[in-house]
Amino acid sequence: MDREIVWKVSDNLYDEMIKVQEELSFPDLIDLISQAVQRYIAETQHETWRFEFRKLQKQVHSSGGFQLGQTKEQVIAKLREQRHQIFESDYAHMYR
């Protein structure tokens, strides 16, 4: 299902949009606007991903890092403990 959007723009913005449409050889203004919106959404999603990744990096750093010098058994034990803590804080209430 297609939806319709009515958007009022100033004469200056309209003229600029027409100019860009012609310069970039878009068949019509709708195609230009559609691609611009899709690109904006993609950039916003990417920026959100980068923000969440930075947040995760800070969490790892504040919790002492990956502690790669530990033995395999110590790493496994630590991961099990973290998994248990996540379960208790986020999901345990669903099973009680």
N, C-alpha and C. Protein backbone atom coordinates (compact mmCIF):
# COMPACT_ATOMS: atom_id res chain seq x y z
N MET A 1 0.85 -1.18 0.00
CA MET A 1 0.00 0.00 0.00
C MET A 1 0.89 1.25 0.00
N ASP A 2 0.65 2.15 -0.90
CA ASP A 2 1.39 3.40 -0.96
C ASP A 2 0.66 4.47 -0.16
N ARG A 3 1.43 5.30 0.47
CA ARG A 3 0.86 6.41 1.25
C ARG A 3 1.27 7.71 0.59
N GLU A 4 0.47 8.70 0.76
CA GLU A 4 0.75 10.00 0.15
C GLU A 4 1.12 11.00 1.23
N ILE A 5 2.14 11.79 0.94
CA ILE A 5 2.57 12.85 1.85
C ILE A 5 2.48 14.17 1.10
N VAL A 6 1.88 15.15 1.74
CA VAL A 6 1.82 16.49 1.17
C VAL A 6 2.81 17.33 1.95
N TRP A 7 3.71 17.98 1.22
CA TRP A 7 4.80 18.71 1.86
C TRP A 7 4.90 20.07 1.21
N LYS A 8 4.72 21.12 1.98
CA LYS A 8 4.85 22.48 1.46
C LYS A 8 6.26 22.96 1.71
N VAL A 9 6.90 23.48 0.66
CA VAL A 9 8.26 23.99 0.78
C VAL A 9 8.32 25.41 0.23
N SER A 10 9.33 26.12 0.64
CA SER A 10 9.51 27.48 0.14
C SER A 10 9.89 27.43 -1.34
N ASP A 11 9.71 28.55 -2.02
CA ASP A 11 10.09 28.62 -3.43
C ASP A 11 11.58 28.36 -3.61
N ASN A 12 12.39 28.90 -2.71
CA ASN A 12 13.84 28.70 -2.81
C ASN A 12 14.21 27.21 -2.70
N LEU A 13 13.62 26.52 -1.73
CA LEU A 13 13.91 25.09 -1.57
C LEU A 13 13.43 24.30 -2.77
N TYR A 14 12.25 24.65 -3.28
CA TYR A 14 11.72 23.95 -4.46
C TYR A 14 12.66 24.14 -5.65
N ASP A 15 13.11 25.36 -5.87
CA ASP A 15 14.02 25.63 -6.97
C ASP A 15 15.32 24.83 -6.81
N GLU A 16 15.82 24.76 -5.59
CA GLU A 16 17.04 24.00 -5.33
C GLU A 16 16.82 22.50 -5.60
N MET A 17 15.67 22.00 -5.20
CA MET A 17 15.35 20.58 -5.43
C MET A 17 15.26 20.28 -6.93
N ILE A 18 14.65 21.15 -7.68
CA ILE A 18 14.55 20.97 -9.13
C ILE A 18 15.94 20.99 -9.76
N LYS A 19 16.77 21.91 -9.29
CA LYS A 19 18.14 22.01 -9.81
C LYS A 19 18.91 20.72 -9.55
N VAL A 20 18.82 20.18 -8.34
CA VAL A 20 19.51 18.94 -7.99
C VAL A 20 18.94 17.77 -8.79
N GLN A 21 17.65 17.73 -8.93
CA GLN A 21 17.01 16.67 -9.72
C GLN A 21 17.58 16.63 -11.14
N GLU A 22 17.69 17.79 -11.74
CA GLU A 22 18.21 17.87 -13.11
C GLU A 22 19.70 17.53 -13.15
N GLU A 23 20.47 18.04 -12.20
CA GLU A 23 21.91 17.77 -12.17
C GLU A 23 22.22 16.29 -11.98
N LEU A 24 21.41 15.62 -11.16
CA LEU A 24 21.66 14.21 -10.87
C LEU A 24 20.85 13.28 -11.78
N SER A 25 20.12 13.86 -12.72
CA SER A 25 19.34 13.10 -13.71
C SER A 25 18.30 12.17 -13.10
N PHE A 26 17.61 12.65 -12.08
CA PHE A 26 16.49 11.88 -11.55
C PHE A 26 15.30 12.08 -12.48
N PRO A 27 14.53 11.01 -12.76
CA PRO A 27 13.40 11.14 -13.67
C PRO A 27 12.34 12.14 -13.18
N ASP A 28 12.15 12.17 -11.86
CA ASP A 28 11.21 13.16 -11.32
C ASP A 28 11.58 13.50 -9.88
N LEU A 29 10.91 14.48 -9.35
CA LEU A 29 11.20 14.97 -8.01
C LEU A 29 10.92 13.92 -6.94
N ILE A 30 9.90 13.12 -7.15
CA ILE A 30 9.54 12.07 -6.19
C ILE A 30 10.73 11.11 -5.99
N ASP A 31 11.39 10.72 -7.08
CA ASP A 31 12.53 9.81 -6.98
C ASP A 31 13.67 10.45 -6.19
N LEU A 32 13.92 11.72 -6.43
CA LEU A 32 14.98 12.42 -5.70
C LEU A 32 14.67 12.45 -4.21
N ILE A 33 13.46 12.82 -3.87
CA ILE A 33 13.07 12.93 -2.46
C ILE A 33 13.10 11.55 -1.80
N SER A 34 12.61 10.54 -2.49
CA SER A 34 12.60 9.18 -1.95
C SER A 34 14.01 8.71 -1.65
N GLN A 35 14.93 8.92 -2.57
CA GLN A 35 16.30 8.49 -2.34
C GLN A 35 16.94 9.30 -1.22
N ALA A 36 16.65 10.58 -1.15
CA ALA A 36 17.22 11.42 -0.09
C ALA A 36 16.73 10.94 1.28
N VAL A 37 15.47 10.61 1.39
CA VAL A 37 14.92 10.12 2.66
C VAL A 37 15.53 8.77 3.02
N GLN A 38 15.62 7.87 2.04
CA GLN A 38 16.22 6.55 2.30
C GLN A 38 17.67 6.69 2.77
N ARG A 39 18.40 7.60 2.16
CA ARG A 39 19.79 7.81 2.56
C ARG A 39 19.87 8.37 3.97
N TYR A 40 18.99 9.32 4.27
CA TYR A 40 18.97 9.90 5.61
C TYR A 40 18.66 8.82 6.65
N ILE A 41 17.69 7.96 6.37
CA ILE A 41 17.34 6.88 7.29
C ILE A 41 18.53 5.95 7.49
N ALA A 42 19.20 5.57 6.42
CA ALA A 42 20.37 4.69 6.51
C ALA A 42 21.47 5.33 7.35
N GLU A 43 21.72 6.62 7.14
CA GLU A 43 22.75 7.32 7.92
C GLU A 43 22.37 7.39 9.39
N THR A 44 21.10 7.62 9.66
CA THR A 44 20.62 7.68 11.05
C THR A 44 20.78 6.32 11.72
N GLN A 45 20.43 5.25 11.01
CA GLN A 45 20.58 3.91 11.57
C GLN A 45 22.05 3.59 11.82
N HIS A 46 22.90 3.99 10.90
CA HIS A 46 24.33 3.74 11.07
C HIS A 46 24.87 4.52 12.27
N GLU A 47 24.44 5.74 12.43
CA GLU A 47 24.87 6.55 13.56
C GLU A 47 24.39 5.92 14.87
N THR A 48 23.17 5.41 14.89
CA THR A 48 22.64 4.73 16.07
C THR A 48 23.48 3.50 16.39
N TRP A 49 23.85 2.74 15.34
CA TRP A 49 24.68 1.55 15.54
C TRP A 49 26.02 1.95 16.14
N ARG A 50 26.65 3.01 15.61
CA ARG A 50 27.94 3.46 16.14
C ARG A 50 27.83 3.90 17.59
N PHE A 51 26.74 4.58 17.93
CA PHE A 51 26.53 5.03 19.31
C PHE A 51 26.41 3.81 20.23
N GLU A 52 25.61 2.83 19.83
CA GLU A 52 25.43 1.63 20.64
C GLU A 52 26.74 0.85 20.77
N PHE A 53 27.53 0.81 19.69
CA PHE A 53 28.82 0.12 19.73
C PHE A 53 29.77 0.82 20.70
N ARG A 54 29.80 2.15 20.66
CA ARG A 54 30.65 2.90 21.59
C ARG A 54 30.22 2.65 23.03
N LYS A 55 28.91 2.60 23.24
CA LYS A 55 28.38 2.34 24.57
C LYS A 55 28.82 0.94 25.05
N LEU A 56 28.76 -0.03 24.16
CA LEU A 56 29.21 -1.39 24.51
C LEU A 56 30.70 -1.41 24.83
N GLN A 57 31.49 -0.68 24.03
CA GLN A 57 32.93 -0.61 24.29
C GLN A 57 33.20 -0.05 25.69
N LYS A 58 32.46 0.99 26.06
CA LYS A 58 32.64 1.59 27.39
C LYS A 58 32.26 0.61 28.49
N GLN A 59 31.18 -0.17 28.27
CA GLN A 59 30.76 -1.16 29.26
C GLN A 59 31.83 -2.24 29.43
N VAL A 60 32.39 -2.70 28.31
CA VAL A 60 33.44 -3.72 28.38
C VAL A 60 34.64 -3.15 29.12
N HIS A 61 35.01 -1.92 28.78
CA HIS A 61 36.18 -1.29 29.42
C HIS A 61 35.94 -1.11 30.92
N SER A 62 34.74 -0.63 31.29
CA SER A 62 34.46 -0.37 32.71
C SER A 62 34.34 -1.66 33.53
N SER A 63 34.01 -2.77 32.85
CA SER A 63 33.91 -4.03 33.59
C SER A 63 35.23 -4.79 33.61
N GLY A 64 36.29 -4.15 33.17
CA GLY A 64 37.60 -4.78 33.25
C GLY A 64 38.10 -5.35 31.94
N GLY A 65 37.41 -5.10 30.87
CA GLY A 65 37.86 -5.58 29.57
C GLY A 65 37.58 -7.05 29.37
N PHE A 66 38.20 -7.60 28.35
CA PHE A 66 37.98 -9.00 28.02
C PHE A 66 38.86 -9.94 28.85
N GLN A 67 39.87 -9.40 29.50
CA GLN A 67 40.78 -10.19 30.33
C GLN A 67 41.29 -11.40 29.56
N LEU A 68 41.93 -11.13 28.44
CA LEU A 68 42.38 -12.19 27.55
C LEU A 68 43.50 -13.04 28.12
N GLY A 69 44.13 -12.59 29.19
CA GLY A 69 45.22 -13.35 29.76
C GLY A 69 44.76 -14.53 30.61
N GLN A 70 43.48 -14.69 30.82
CA GLN A 70 42.96 -15.77 31.66
C GLN A 70 43.02 -17.11 30.93
N THR A 71 42.90 -18.15 31.71
CA THR A 71 42.85 -19.48 31.11
C THR A 71 41.48 -19.68 30.46
N LYS A 72 41.40 -20.70 29.63
CA LYS A 72 40.14 -21.02 28.95
C LYS A 72 39.03 -21.27 29.98
N GLU A 73 39.33 -22.00 31.03
CA GLU A 73 38.33 -22.32 32.06
C GLU A 73 37.85 -21.06 32.79
N GLN A 74 38.80 -20.13 33.03
CA GLN A 74 38.42 -18.88 33.70
C GLN A 74 37.52 -18.03 32.81
N VAL A 75 37.84 -17.98 31.53
CA VAL A 75 37.02 -17.21 30.59
C VAL A 75 35.62 -17.81 30.52
N ILE A 76 35.52 -19.14 30.43
CA ILE A 76 34.22 -19.81 30.36
C ILE A 76 33.43 -19.56 31.63
N ALA A 77 34.08 -19.66 32.78
CA ALA A 77 33.39 -19.41 34.05
C ALA A 77 32.87 -17.98 34.12
N LYS A 78 33.69 -17.03 33.66
CA LYS A 78 33.29 -15.61 33.68
C LYS A 78 32.10 -15.39 32.75
N LEU A 79 32.13 -15.98 31.55
CA LEU A 79 31.02 -15.84 30.61
C LEU A 79 29.75 -16.46 31.16
N ARG A 80 29.87 -17.60 31.82
CA ARG A 80 28.68 -18.23 32.44
C ARG A 80 28.09 -17.33 33.52
N GLU A 81 28.97 -16.74 34.32
CA GLU A 81 28.50 -15.83 35.37
C GLU A 81 27.80 -14.62 34.76
N GLN A 82 28.37 -14.05 33.70
CA GLN A 82 27.74 -12.91 33.04
C GLN A 82 26.39 -13.30 32.45
N ARG A 83 26.33 -14.46 31.82
CA ARG A 83 25.07 -14.94 31.25
C ARG A 83 24.02 -15.10 32.35
N HIS A 84 24.44 -15.64 33.49
CA HIS A 84 23.52 -15.82 34.62
C HIS A 84 23.02 -14.45 35.12
N GLN A 85 23.93 -13.47 35.23
CA GLN A 85 23.54 -12.14 35.68
C GLN A 85 22.55 -11.50 34.71
N ILE A 86 22.81 -11.65 33.40
CA ILE A 86 21.90 -11.09 32.39
C ILE A 86 20.54 -11.76 32.49
N PHE A 87 20.53 -13.08 32.64
CA PHE A 87 19.27 -13.79 32.78
C PHE A 87 18.50 -13.29 33.99
N GLU A 88 19.18 -13.19 35.13
CA GLU A 88 18.53 -12.75 36.36
C GLU A 88 17.96 -11.34 36.22
N SER A 89 18.71 -10.44 35.57
CA SER A 89 18.25 -9.05 35.50
C SER A 89 17.21 -8.82 34.41
N ASP A 90 17.24 -9.61 33.34
CA ASP A 90 16.36 -9.31 32.20
C ASP A 90 15.24 -10.33 31.96
N TYR A 91 15.45 -11.59 32.36
CA TYR A 91 14.50 -12.62 31.96
C TYR A 91 13.93 -13.47 33.08
N ALA A 92 14.57 -13.49 34.23
CA ALA A 92 14.14 -14.39 35.30
C ALA A 92 12.69 -14.17 35.70
N HIS A 93 12.24 -12.93 35.70
CA HIS A 93 10.86 -12.62 36.09
C HIS A 93 9.84 -13.31 35.19
N MET A 94 10.22 -13.66 33.97
CA MET A 94 9.32 -14.30 33.02
C MET A 94 9.07 -15.76 33.37
N TYR A 95 9.93 -16.34 34.19
CA TYR A 95 9.84 -17.76 34.51
C TYR A 95 9.47 -18.01 35.97
N ARG A 96 9.09 -16.98 36.66
CA ARG A 96 8.72 -17.15 38.09
C ARG A 96 7.25 -16.99 38.26
